[in-house]
């Protein structure tokens, strides 16, 4: 997340049935973020921390 508290949601990317999608990144470079993904059965998966890099504003998930 963008905050020191990793449980704070900074953005909800909504629902999708796609196997991938593109997110327009609106988090400042240099911030560490993580992704939580919940499936249709409410099973939760979490990504490792990702450092937002300067450059392209698009991130393929």
Protein backbone atom coordinates (compact mmCIF):
# COMPACT_ATOMS: atom_id res chain seq x y z
CA UNK A 1 0.00 0.00 0.00
CA UNK A 2 0.94 3.63 -0.20
CA UNK A 3 0.67 4.01 3.57
CA UNK A 4 2.73 2.60 6.41
CA UNK A 5 -0.29 0.47 7.38
CA UNK A 6 -0.56 -2.34 4.80
CA UNK A 7 -4.22 -2.96 5.63
CA UNK A 8 -5.30 0.42 4.22
CA UNK A 9 -6.91 0.12 0.80
CA UNK A 10 -5.70 2.91 -1.47
CA UNK A 11 -7.70 1.86 -4.52
CA UNK A 12 -10.36 -0.71 -5.39
CA UNK A 13 -9.78 -1.95 -8.94
CA UNK A 14 -13.25 -3.47 -9.13
CA UNK A 15 -14.38 -6.84 -10.38
CA UNK A 16 -13.44 -8.64 -13.58
CA UNK A 17 -13.65 -12.09 -15.14
CA UNK A 18 -10.59 -11.35 -17.28
CA UNK A 19 -7.33 -13.22 -16.84
CA UNK A 20 -5.44 -9.90 -17.00
CA UNK A 21 -6.15 -6.19 -17.17
CA UNK A 22 -4.30 -2.90 -17.38
CA UNK A 23 -4.34 -0.47 -14.48
CA UNK A 24 -3.54 3.22 -14.95
CA UNK A 25 -1.14 3.75 -12.05
CA UNK A 26 -1.92 6.78 -9.91
CA UNK A 27 0.51 6.02 -7.09
CA UNK A 28 3.74 8.00 -6.79
CA UNK A 29 7.00 6.40 -7.87
CA UNK A 30 9.02 5.13 -4.93
CA UNK A 31 5.99 3.82 -3.02
CA UNK A 32 5.67 0.16 -2.09
CA UNK A 33 2.28 -1.38 -2.86
CA UNK A 34 0.70 -4.81 -2.73
CA UNK A 35 -2.28 -6.44 -4.38
CA UNK A 36 -5.05 -8.48 -2.77
CA UNK A 37 -7.14 -10.63 -5.10
CA UNK A 38 -10.33 -12.36 -3.99
CA UNK A 39 -11.91 -15.03 -6.18
CA UNK A 40 -15.60 -15.91 -6.59
CA UNK A 41 -15.40 -18.16 -3.51
CA UNK A 42 -13.87 -15.35 -1.40
CA UNK A 43 -10.45 -17.03 -1.31
CA UNK A 44 -7.79 -14.35 -0.83
CA UNK A 45 -4.41 -14.22 -2.55
CA UNK A 46 -1.84 -11.52 -1.87
CA UNK A 47 1.08 -10.35 -3.96
CA UNK A 48 4.55 -9.65 -2.73
CA UNK A 49 5.37 -5.98 -2.27
CA UNK A 50 5.97 -4.11 -5.54
CA UNK A 51 7.99 -0.89 -5.80
CA UNK A 52 6.31 1.64 -8.11
CA UNK A 53 8.89 2.74 -10.68
CA UNK A 54 8.98 6.07 -12.53
CA UNK A 55 7.99 5.92 -16.16
CA UNK A 56 4.98 4.38 -17.83
CA UNK A 57 1.67 4.98 -16.12
CA UNK A 58 0.31 1.58 -17.13
CA UNK A 59 0.70 -1.63 -15.16
CA UNK A 60 -0.36 -4.98 -16.57
CA UNK A 61 -1.92 -7.25 -13.94
